[in-house]
Amino acid sequence: RSGGLAYLAASVKGRFTISRDNAENTAYLQMNSL
């Protein structure tokens, strides 16, 4: 909830990033090297 800790599946670790902006009420999934 705070955004202070994130977990990723092994298959996407190093390529994907999770983040959130609670002020904007939005969560994100950045996907690179698809």
Full PDB file with SEQRES, HELIX, SHEET, SSBOND, CRYST1, ORIGX, SCALE, CONECT and MASTER records, all heavy atoms in Angstrom:
SEQRES   1 A   34  ARG SER GLY GLY LEU ALA TYR LEU ALA ALA SER VAL LYS          
SEQRES   2 A   34  GLY ARG PHE THR ILE SER ARG ASP ASN ALA GLU ASN THR          
SEQRES   3 A   34  ALA TYR LEU GLN MET ASN SER LEU                              
HELIX    1 AA1 ASN A   22  GLU A   24  5                                   3    
SHEET    1 AA1 2 PHE A  16  ASP A  21  0                                        
SHEET    2 AA1 2 THR A  26  MET A  31 -1                                        
CRYST1    1.000    1.000    1.000  90.00  90.00  90.00 P 1           1          
ORIGX1      1.000000  0.000000  0.000000        0.00000                         
ORIGX2      0.000000  1.000000  0.000000        0.00000                         
ORIGX3      0.000000  0.000000  1.000000        0.00000                         
SCALE1      1.000000  0.000000  0.000000        0.00000                         
SCALE2      0.000000  1.000000  0.000000        0.00000                         
SCALE3      0.000000  0.000000  1.000000        0.00000                         
ATOM      1  N   ARG A   1       0.799  -1.221   0.000  1.00  0.00           N  
ATOM      2  CA  ARG A   1       0.000   0.000   0.000  1.00  0.00           C  
ATOM      3  C   ARG A   1       0.833   1.274   0.000  1.00  0.00           C  
ATOM      4  O   ARG A   1       0.492   2.245  -0.670  1.00  0.00           O  
ATOM      5  CB  ARG A   1      -0.963  -0.010   1.188  1.00  0.00           C  
ATOM      6  CG  ARG A   1      -2.076  -1.027   1.045  1.00  0.00           C  
ATOM      7  CD  ARG A   1      -2.958  -1.087   2.267  1.00  0.00           C  
ATOM      8  NE  ARG A   1      -2.244  -1.606   3.424  1.00  0.00           N  
ATOM      9  CZ  ARG A   1      -2.801  -1.743   4.619  1.00  0.00           C  
ATOM     10  NH1 ARG A   1      -4.060  -1.386   4.809  1.00  0.00           N  
ATOM     11  NH2 ARG A   1      -2.107  -2.235   5.613  1.00  0.00           N  
ATOM     12  N   SER A   2       1.938   1.268   0.728  1.00  0.00           N  
ATOM     13  CA  SER A   2       2.770   2.469   0.795  1.00  0.00           C  
ATOM     14  C   SER A   2       3.641   2.642  -0.440  1.00  0.00           C  
ATOM     15  O   SER A   2       4.200   3.722  -0.681  1.00  0.00           O  
ATOM     16  CB  SER A   2       3.672   2.413   2.029  1.00  0.00           C  
ATOM     17  OG  SER A   2       4.647   1.399   1.872  1.00  0.00           O  
ATOM     18  N   GLY A   3       3.796   1.570  -1.209  1.00  0.00           N  
ATOM     19  CA  GLY A   3       4.701   1.599  -2.356  1.00  0.00           C  
ATOM     20  C   GLY A   3       6.138   1.299  -1.978  1.00  0.00           C  
ATOM     21  O   GLY A   3       7.019   1.288  -2.827  1.00  0.00           O  
ATOM     22  N   GLY A   4       6.392   1.024  -0.696  1.00  0.00           N  
ATOM     23  CA  GLY A   4       7.747   0.834  -0.222  1.00  0.00           C  
ATOM     24  C   GLY A   4       8.342  -0.523  -0.530  1.00  0.00           C  
ATOM     25  O   GLY A   4       9.559  -0.706  -0.365  1.00  0.00           O  
ATOM     26  N   LEU A   5       7.543  -1.452  -0.949  1.00  0.00           N  
ATOM     27  CA  LEU A   5       8.046  -2.801  -1.230  1.00  0.00           C  
ATOM     28  C   LEU A   5       7.241  -3.393  -2.385  1.00  0.00           C  
ATOM     29  O   LEU A   5       6.017  -3.296  -2.416  1.00  0.00           O  
ATOM     30  CB  LEU A   5       7.889  -3.676   0.010  1.00  0.00           C  
ATOM     31  CG  LEU A   5       8.713  -4.961   0.077  1.00  0.00           C  
ATOM     32  CD1 LEU A   5      10.196  -4.664  -0.038  1.00  0.00           C  
ATOM     33  CD2 LEU A   5       8.413  -5.698   1.378  1.00  0.00           C  
ATOM     34  N   ALA A   6       7.959  -3.988  -3.322  1.00  0.00           N  
ATOM     35  CA  ALA A   6       7.317  -4.598  -4.474  1.00  0.00           C  
ATOM     36  C   ALA A   6       7.898  -5.979  -4.712  1.00  0.00           C  
ATOM     37  O   ALA A   6       9.048  -6.256  -4.357  1.00  0.00           O  
ATOM     38  CB  ALA A   6       7.487  -3.732  -5.717  1.00  0.00           C  
ATOM     39  N   TYR A   7       7.086  -6.821  -5.319  1.00  0.00           N  
ATOM     40  CA  TYR A   7       7.481  -8.191  -5.600  1.00  0.00           C  
ATOM     41  C   TYR A   7       7.238  -8.450  -7.083  1.00  0.00           C  
ATOM     42  O   TYR A   7       6.224  -8.001  -7.637  1.00  0.00           O  
ATOM     43  CB  TYR A   7       6.648  -9.167  -4.781  1.00  0.00           C  
ATOM     44  CG  TYR A   7       6.577  -8.824  -3.313  1.00  0.00           C  
ATOM     45  CD1 TYR A   7       5.497  -8.106  -2.812  1.00  0.00           C  
ATOM     46  CD2 TYR A   7       7.578  -9.213  -2.433  1.00  0.00           C  
ATOM     47  CE1 TYR A   7       5.415  -7.791  -1.468  1.00  0.00           C  
ATOM     48  CE2 TYR A   7       7.509  -8.904  -1.079  1.00  0.00           C  
ATOM     49  CZ  TYR A   7       6.419  -8.192  -0.609  1.00  0.00           C  
ATOM     50  OH  TYR A   7       6.346  -7.873   0.729  1.00  0.00           O  
ATOM     51  N   LEU A   8       8.135  -9.194  -7.707  1.00  0.00           N  
ATOM     52  CA  LEU A   8       7.998  -9.512  -9.119  1.00  0.00           C  
ATOM     53  C   LEU A   8       8.215 -10.993  -9.355  1.00  0.00           C  
ATOM     54  O   LEU A   8       9.043 -11.625  -8.695  1.00  0.00           O  
ATOM     55  CB  LEU A   8       9.010  -8.724  -9.950  1.00  0.00           C  
ATOM     56  CG  LEU A   8       8.760  -7.221 -10.086  1.00  0.00           C  
ATOM     57  CD1 LEU A   8       9.974  -6.522 -10.639  1.00  0.00           C  
ATOM     58  CD2 LEU A   8       7.547  -6.955 -10.968  1.00  0.00           C  
ATOM     59  N   ALA A   9       7.480 -11.539 -10.310  1.00  0.00           N  
ATOM     60  CA  ALA A   9       7.698 -12.919 -10.727  1.00  0.00           C  
ATOM     61  C   ALA A   9       9.088 -13.051 -11.347  1.00  0.00           C  
ATOM     62  O   ALA A   9       9.603 -12.107 -11.961  1.00  0.00           O  
ATOM     63  CB  ALA A   9       6.636 -13.331 -11.727  1.00  0.00           C  
ATOM     64  N   ALA A  10       9.655 -14.217 -11.204  1.00  0.00           N  
ATOM     65  CA  ALA A  10      11.017 -14.452 -11.710  1.00  0.00           C  
ATOM     66  C   ALA A  10      11.099 -14.212 -13.219  1.00  0.00           C  
ATOM     67  O   ALA A  10      12.120 -13.741 -13.727  1.00  0.00           O  
ATOM     68  CB  ALA A  10      11.452 -15.867 -11.368  1.00  0.00           C  
ATOM     69  N   SER A  11      10.014 -14.500 -13.919  1.00  0.00           N  
ATOM     70  CA  SER A  11      10.022 -14.387 -15.374  1.00  0.00           C  
ATOM     71  C   SER A  11      10.106 -12.943 -15.866  1.00  0.00           C  
ATOM     72  O   SER A  11      10.449 -12.712 -17.027  1.00  0.00           O  
ATOM     73  CB  SER A  11       8.772 -15.046 -15.949  1.00  0.00           C  
ATOM     74  OG  SER A  11       7.610 -14.435 -15.429  1.00  0.00           O  
ATOM     75  N   VAL A  12       9.803 -11.980 -14.998  1.00  0.00           N  
ATOM     76  CA  VAL A  12       9.817 -10.578 -15.421  1.00  0.00           C  
ATOM     77  C   VAL A  12      10.808  -9.738 -14.640  1.00  0.00           C  
ATOM     78  O   VAL A  12      11.016  -8.564 -14.963  1.00  0.00           O  
ATOM     79  CB  VAL A  12       8.412  -9.948 -15.311  1.00  0.00           C  
ATOM     80  CG1 VAL A  12       7.391 -10.778 -16.093  1.00  0.00           C  
ATOM     81  CG2 VAL A  12       7.980  -9.797 -13.860  1.00  0.00           C  
ATOM     82  N   LYS A  13      11.424 -10.313 -13.635  1.00  0.00           N  
ATOM     83  CA  LYS A  13      12.364  -9.564 -12.811  1.00  0.00           C  
ATOM     84  C   LYS A  13      13.518  -9.047 -13.676  1.00  0.00           C  
ATOM     85  O   LYS A  13      14.054  -9.775 -14.511  1.00  0.00           O  
ATOM     86  CB  LYS A  13      12.874 -10.450 -11.679  1.00  0.00           C  
ATOM     87  CG  LYS A  13      13.473  -9.701 -10.516  1.00  0.00           C  
ATOM     88  CD  LYS A  13      13.721 -10.628  -9.324  1.00  0.00           C  
ATOM     89  CE  LYS A  13      12.423 -11.097  -8.717  1.00  0.00           C  
ATOM     90  NZ  LYS A  13      12.638 -11.921  -7.502  1.00  0.00           N  
ATOM     91  N   GLY A  14      13.863  -7.795 -13.465  1.00  0.00           N  
ATOM     92  CA  GLY A  14      14.913  -7.178 -14.266  1.00  0.00           C  
ATOM     93  C   GLY A  14      14.393  -6.508 -15.522  1.00  0.00           C  
ATOM     94  O   GLY A  14      15.116  -5.734 -16.157  1.00  0.00           O  
ATOM     95  N   ARG A  15      13.145  -6.803 -15.900  1.00  0.00           N  
ATOM     96  CA  ARG A  15      12.549  -6.193 -17.096  1.00  0.00           C  
ATOM     97  C   ARG A  15      11.334  -5.335 -16.749  1.00  0.00           C  
ATOM     98  O   ARG A  15      11.083  -4.319 -17.396  1.00  0.00           O  
ATOM     99  CB  ARG A  15      12.130  -7.279 -18.083  1.00  0.00           C  
ATOM    100  CG  ARG A  15      13.264  -8.148 -18.561  1.00  0.00           C  
ATOM    101  CD  ARG A  15      12.820  -9.099 -19.679  1.00  0.00           C  
ATOM    102  NE  ARG A  15      11.792 -10.033 -19.251  1.00  0.00           N  
ATOM    103  CZ  ARG A  15      10.588 -10.121 -19.814  1.00  0.00           C  
ATOM    104  NH1 ARG A  15      10.259  -9.351 -20.826  1.00  0.00           N  
ATOM    105  NH2 ARG A  15       9.720 -11.020 -19.363  1.00  0.00           N  
ATOM    106  N   PHE A  16      10.572  -5.754 -15.760  1.00  0.00           N  
ATOM    107  CA  PHE A  16       9.352  -5.049 -15.372  1.00  0.00           C  
ATOM    108  C   PHE A  16       9.560  -4.336 -14.042  1.00  0.00           C  
ATOM    109  O   PHE A  16      10.326  -4.791 -13.186  1.00  0.00           O  
ATOM    110  CB  PHE A  16       8.186  -6.015 -15.216  1.00  0.00           C  
ATOM    111  CG  PHE A  16       7.678  -6.642 -16.480  1.00  0.00           C  
ATOM    112  CD1 PHE A  16       8.361  -6.546 -17.680  1.00  0.00           C  
ATOM    113  CD2 PHE A  16       6.468  -7.344 -16.474  1.00  0.00           C  
ATOM    114  CE1 PHE A  16       7.888  -7.128 -18.842  1.00  0.00           C  
ATOM    115  CE2 PHE A  16       5.973  -7.939 -17.625  1.00  0.00           C  
ATOM    116  CZ  PHE A  16       6.697  -7.832 -18.802  1.00  0.00           C  
ATOM    117  N   THR A  17       8.858  -3.246 -13.876  1.00  0.00           N  
ATOM    118  CA  THR A  17       8.879  -2.483 -12.627  1.00  0.00           C  
ATOM    119  C   THR A  17       7.455  -2.116 -12.241  1.00  0.00           C  
ATOM    120  O   THR A  17       6.666  -1.697 -13.102  1.00  0.00           O  
ATOM    121  CB  THR A  17       9.690  -1.194 -12.778  1.00  0.00           C  
ATOM    122  OG1 THR A  17      11.018  -1.498 -13.234  1.00  0.00           O  
ATOM    123  CG2 THR A  17       9.791  -0.451 -11.444  1.00  0.00           C  
ATOM    124  N   ILE A  18       7.151  -2.279 -10.986  1.00  0.00           N  
ATOM    125  CA  ILE A  18       5.844  -1.873 -10.465  1.00  0.00           C  
ATOM    126  C   ILE A  18       6.009  -0.597  -9.660  1.00  0.00           C  
ATOM    127  O   ILE A  18       6.977  -0.471  -8.889  1.00  0.00           O  
ATOM    128  CB  ILE A  18       5.256  -2.963  -9.565  1.00  0.00           C  
ATOM    129  CG1 ILE A  18       4.931  -4.207 -10.358  1.00  0.00           C  
ATOM    130  CG2 ILE A  18       3.986  -2.465  -8.885  1.00  0.00           C  
ATOM    131  CD1 ILE A  18       4.366  -5.319  -9.515  1.00  0.00           C  
ATOM    132  N   SER A  19       5.073   0.300  -9.802  1.00  0.00           N  
ATOM    133  CA  SER A  19       5.073   1.508  -8.977  1.00  0.00           C  
ATOM    134  C   SER A  19       3.633   1.944  -8.746  1.00  0.00           C  
ATOM    135  O   SER A  19       2.699   1.362  -9.306  1.00  0.00           O  
ATOM    136  CB  SER A  19       5.874   2.629  -9.658  1.00  0.00           C  
ATOM    137  OG  SER A  19       5.285   2.985 -10.893  1.00  0.00           O  
ATOM    138  N   ARG A  20       3.479   2.938  -7.927  1.00  0.00           N  
ATOM    139  CA  ARG A  20       2.144   3.467  -7.667  1.00  0.00           C  
ATOM    140  C   ARG A  20       2.245   4.921  -7.282  1.00  0.00           C  
ATOM    141  O   ARG A  20       3.272   5.362  -6.736  1.00  0.00           O  
ATOM    142  CB  ARG A  20       1.433   2.666  -6.578  1.00  0.00           C  
ATOM    143  CG  ARG A  20       2.111   2.713  -5.215  1.00  0.00           C  
ATOM    144  CD  ARG A  20       1.506   1.657  -4.284  1.00  0.00           C  
ATOM    145  NE  ARG A  20       0.100   1.946  -4.013  1.00  0.00           N  
ATOM    146  CZ  ARG A  20      -0.763   1.023  -3.566  1.00  0.00           C  
ATOM    147  NH1 ARG A  20      -0.369  -0.226  -3.387  1.00  0.00           N  
ATOM    148  NH2 ARG A  20      -2.009   1.350  -3.326  1.00  0.00           N  
ATOM    149  N   ASP A  21       1.214   5.665  -7.566  1.00  0.00           N  
ATOM    150  CA  ASP A  21       1.097   7.050  -7.153  1.00  0.00           C  
ATOM    151  C   ASP A  21      -0.233   7.167  -6.422  1.00  0.00           C  
ATOM    152  O   ASP A  21      -1.289   7.297  -7.056  1.00  0.00           O  
ATOM    153  CB  ASP A  21       1.155   7.975  -8.371  1.00  0.00           C  
ATOM    154  CG  ASP A  21       1.178   9.449  -7.989  1.00  0.00           C  
ATOM    155  OD1 ASP A  21       0.717   9.800  -6.886  1.00  0.00           O  
ATOM    156  OD2 ASP A  21       1.646  10.251  -8.806  1.00  0.00           O  
ATOM    157  N   ASN A  22      -0.177   7.082  -5.116  1.00  0.00           N  
ATOM    158  CA  ASN A  22      -1.423   7.085  -4.340  1.00  0.00           C  
ATOM    159  C   ASN A  22      -2.161   8.420  -4.462  1.00  0.00           C  
ATOM    160  O   ASN A  22      -3.395   8.455  -4.389  1.00  0.00           O  
ATOM    161  CB  ASN A  22      -1.134   6.756  -2.887  1.00  0.00           C  
ATOM    162  CG  ASN A  22      -0.796   5.287  -2.684  1.00  0.00           C  
ATOM    163  OD1 ASN A  22      -1.119   4.445  -3.523  1.00  0.00           O  
ATOM    164  ND2 ASN A  22      -0.124   4.972  -1.582  1.00  0.00           N  
ATOM    165  N   ALA A  23      -1.416   9.486  -4.654  1.00  0.00           N  
ATOM    166  CA  ALA A  23      -2.064  10.789  -4.822  1.00  0.00           C  
ATOM    167  C   ALA A  23      -2.878  10.839  -6.107  1.00  0.00           C  
ATOM    168  O   ALA A  23      -3.901  11.528  -6.179  1.00  0.00           O  
ATOM    169  CB  ALA A  23      -1.020  11.902  -4.809  1.00  0.00           C  
ATOM    170  N   GLU A  24      -2.414  10.104  -7.126  1.00  0.00           N  
ATOM    171  CA  GLU A  24      -3.116  10.046  -8.409  1.00  0.00           C  
ATOM    172  C   GLU A  24      -4.051   8.842  -8.498  1.00  0.00           C  
ATOM    173  O   GLU A  24      -4.693   8.636  -9.529  1.00  0.00           O  
ATOM    174  CB  GLU A  24      -2.098   9.988  -9.549  1.00  0.00           C  
ATOM    175  CG  GLU A  24      -1.272  11.256  -9.695  1.00  0.00           C  
ATOM    176  CD  GLU A  24      -2.123  12.440 -10.116  1.00  0.00           C  
ATOM    177  OE1 GLU A  24      -3.100  12.256 -10.875  1.00  0.00           O  
ATOM    178  OE2 GLU A  24      -1.817  13.559  -9.661  1.00  0.00           O  
ATOM    179  N   ASN A  25      -4.092   8.039  -7.442  1.00  0.00           N  
ATOM    180  CA  ASN A  25      -4.966   6.859  -7.415  1.00  0.00           C  
ATOM    181  C   ASN A  25      -4.673   5.908  -8.570  1.00  0.00           C  
ATOM    182  O   ASN A  25      -5.596   5.311  -9.140  1.00  0.00           O  
ATOM    183  CB  ASN A  25      -6.437   7.282  -7.467  1.00  0.00           C  
ATOM    184  CG  ASN A  25      -7.115   7.153  -6.118  1.00  0.00           C  
ATOM    185  OD1 ASN A  25      -6.476   6.918  -5.101  1.00  0.00           O  
ATOM    186  ND2 ASN A  25      -8.423   7.296  -6.120  1.00  0.00           N  
ATOM    187  N   THR A  26      -3.397   5.761  -8.897  1.00  0.00           N  
ATOM    188  CA  THR A  26      -3.015   4.953 -10.048  1.00  0.00           C  
ATOM    189  C   THR A  26      -1.802   4.089  -9.726  1.00  0.00           C  
ATOM    190  O   THR A  26      -0.874   4.538  -9.053  1.00  0.00           O  
ATOM    191  CB  THR A  26      -2.684   5.855 -11.256  1.00  0.00           C  
ATOM    192  OG1 THR A  26      -3.813   6.700 -11.529  1.00  0.00           O  
ATOM    193  CG2 THR A  26      -2.385   5.024 -12.487  1.00  0.00           C  
ATOM    194  N   ALA A  27      -1.842   2.855 -10.206  1.00  0.00           N  
ATOM    195  CA  ALA A  27      -0.704   1.947 -10.132  1.00  0.00           C  
ATOM    196  C   ALA A  27      -0.178   1.722 -11.556  1.00  0.00           C  
ATOM    197  O   ALA A  27      -0.926   1.860 -12.529  1.00  0.00           O  
ATOM    198  CB  ALA A  27      -1.106   0.625  -9.500  1.00  0.00           C  
ATOM    199  N   TYR A  28       1.090   1.383 -11.639  1.00  0.00           N  
ATOM    200  CA  TYR A  28       1.731   1.253 -12.948  1.00  0.00           C  
ATOM    201  C   TYR A  28       2.517  -0.051 -13.049  1.00  0.00           C  
ATOM    202  O   TYR A  28       3.033  -0.571 -12.060  1.00  0.00           O  
ATOM    203  CB  TYR A  28       2.699   2.422 -13.179  1.00  0.00           C  
ATOM    204  CG  TYR A  28       2.049   3.775 -13.103  1.00  0.00           C  
ATOM    205  CD1 TYR A  28       2.102   4.521 -11.932  1.00  0.00           C  
ATOM    206  CD2 TYR A  28       1.371   4.300 -14.202  1.00  0.00           C  
ATOM    207  CE1 TYR A  28       1.499   5.777 -11.855  1.00  0.00           C  
ATOM    208  CE2 TYR A  28       0.767   5.545 -14.127  1.00  0.00           C  
ATOM    209  CZ  TYR A  28       0.833   6.275 -12.955  1.00  0.00           C  
ATOM    210  OH  TYR A  28       0.232   7.505 -12.885  1.00  0.00           O  
ATOM    211  N   LEU A  29       2.621  -0.523 -14.271  1.00  0.00           N  
ATOM    212  CA  LEU A  29       3.496  -1.638 -14.587  1.00  0.00           C  
ATOM    213  C   LEU A  29       4.317  -1.214 -15.803  1.00  0.00           C  
ATOM    214  O   LEU A  29       3.791  -1.126 -16.908  1.00  0.00           O  
ATOM    215  CB  LEU A  29       2.694  -2.904 -14.889  1.00  0.00           C  
ATOM    216  CG  LEU A  29       3.531  -4.141 -15.207  1.00  0.00           C  
ATOM    217  CD1 LEU A  29       4.310  -4.602 -13.982  1.00  0.00           C  
ATOM    218  CD2 LEU A  29       2.634  -5.290 -15.706  1.00  0.00           C  
ATOM    219  N   GLN A  30       5.590  -0.927 -15.563  1.00  0.00           N  
ATOM    220  CA  GLN A  30       6.500  -0.583 -16.640  1.00  0.00           C  
ATOM    221  C   GLN A  30       7.133  -1.857 -17.160  1.00  0.00           C  
ATOM    222  O   GLN A  30       7.749  -2.607 -16.395  1.00  0.00           O  
ATOM    223  CB  GLN A  30       7.588   0.376 -16.141  1.00  0.00           C  
ATOM    224  CG  GLN A  30       8.620   0.739 -17.182  1.00  0.00           C  
ATOM    225  CD  GLN A  30       8.059   1.572 -18.308  1.00  0.00           C  
ATOM    226  OE1 GLN A  30       7.310   2.514 -18.085  1.00  0.00           O  
ATOM    227  NE2 GLN A  30       8.430   1.233 -19.540  1.00  0.00           N  
ATOM    228  N   MET A  31       6.972  -2.088 -18.454  1.00  0.00           N  
ATOM    229  CA  MET A  31       7.453  -3.327 -19.056  1.00  0.00           C  
ATOM    230  C   MET A  31       8.494  -2.989 -20.123  1.00  0.00           C  
ATOM    231  O   MET A  31       8.172  -2.316 -21.113  1.00  0.00           O  
ATOM    232  CB  MET A  31       6.291  -4.096 -19.678  1.00  0.00           C  
ATOM    233  CG  MET A  31       5.156  -4.359 -18.698  1.00  0.00           C  
ATOM    234  SD  MET A  31       3.853  -5.407 -19.378  1.00  0.00           S  
ATOM    235  CE  MET A  31       3.226  -4.368 -20.677  1.00  0.00           C  
ATOM    236  N   ASN A  32       9.704  -3.434 -19.913  1.00  0.00           N  
ATOM    237  CA  ASN A  32      10.793  -3.211 -20.855  1.00  0.00           C  
ATOM    238  C   ASN A  32      11.293  -4.539 -21.406  1.00  0.00           C  
ATOM    239  O   ASN A  32      10.989  -5.602 -20.853  1.00  0.00           O  
ATOM    240  CB  ASN A  32      11.945  -2.482 -20.165  1.00  0.00           C  
ATOM    241  CG  ASN A  32      11.556  -1.127 -19.630  1.00  0.00           C  
ATOM    242  OD1 ASN A  32      10.708  -0.436 -20.195  1.00  0.00           O  
ATOM    243  ND2 ASN A  32      12.164  -0.732 -18.519  1.00  0.00           N  
ATOM    244  N   SER A  33      12.044  -4.462 -22.488  1.00  0.00           N  
ATOM    245  CA  SER A  33      12.619  -5.670 -23.104  1.00  0.00           C  
ATOM    246  C   SER A  33      11.567  -6.750 -23.291  1.00  0.00           C  
ATOM    247  O   SER A  33      11.778  -7.918 -22.943  1.00  0.00           O  
ATOM    248  CB  SER A  33      13.775  -6.207 -22.242  1.00  0.00           C  
ATOM    249  OG  SER A  33      14.766  -5.221 -22.066  1.00  0.00           O  
ATOM    250  N   LEU A  34      10.454  -6.363 -23.849  1.00  0.00           N  
ATOM    251  CA  LEU A  34       9.332  -7.290 -23.986  1.00  0.00           C  
ATOM    252  C   LEU A  34       9.664  -8.439 -24.917  1.00  0.00           C  
ATOM    253  O   LEU A  34      10.380  -8.280 -25.913  1.00  0.00           O  
ATOM    254  CB  LEU A  34       8.100  -6.539 -24.464  1.00  0.00           C  
ATOM    255  CG  LEU A  34       7.406  -5.725 -23.363  1.00  0.00           C  
ATOM    256  CD1 LEU A  34       6.500  -4.659 -23.969  1.00  0.00           C  
ATOM    257  CD2 LEU A  34       6.607  -6.648 -22.453  1.00  0.00           C  
TER     258      LEU A  34                                                      
MASTER        0    0    0    1    2    0    0    6  257    1    0    3          
END                                                                             
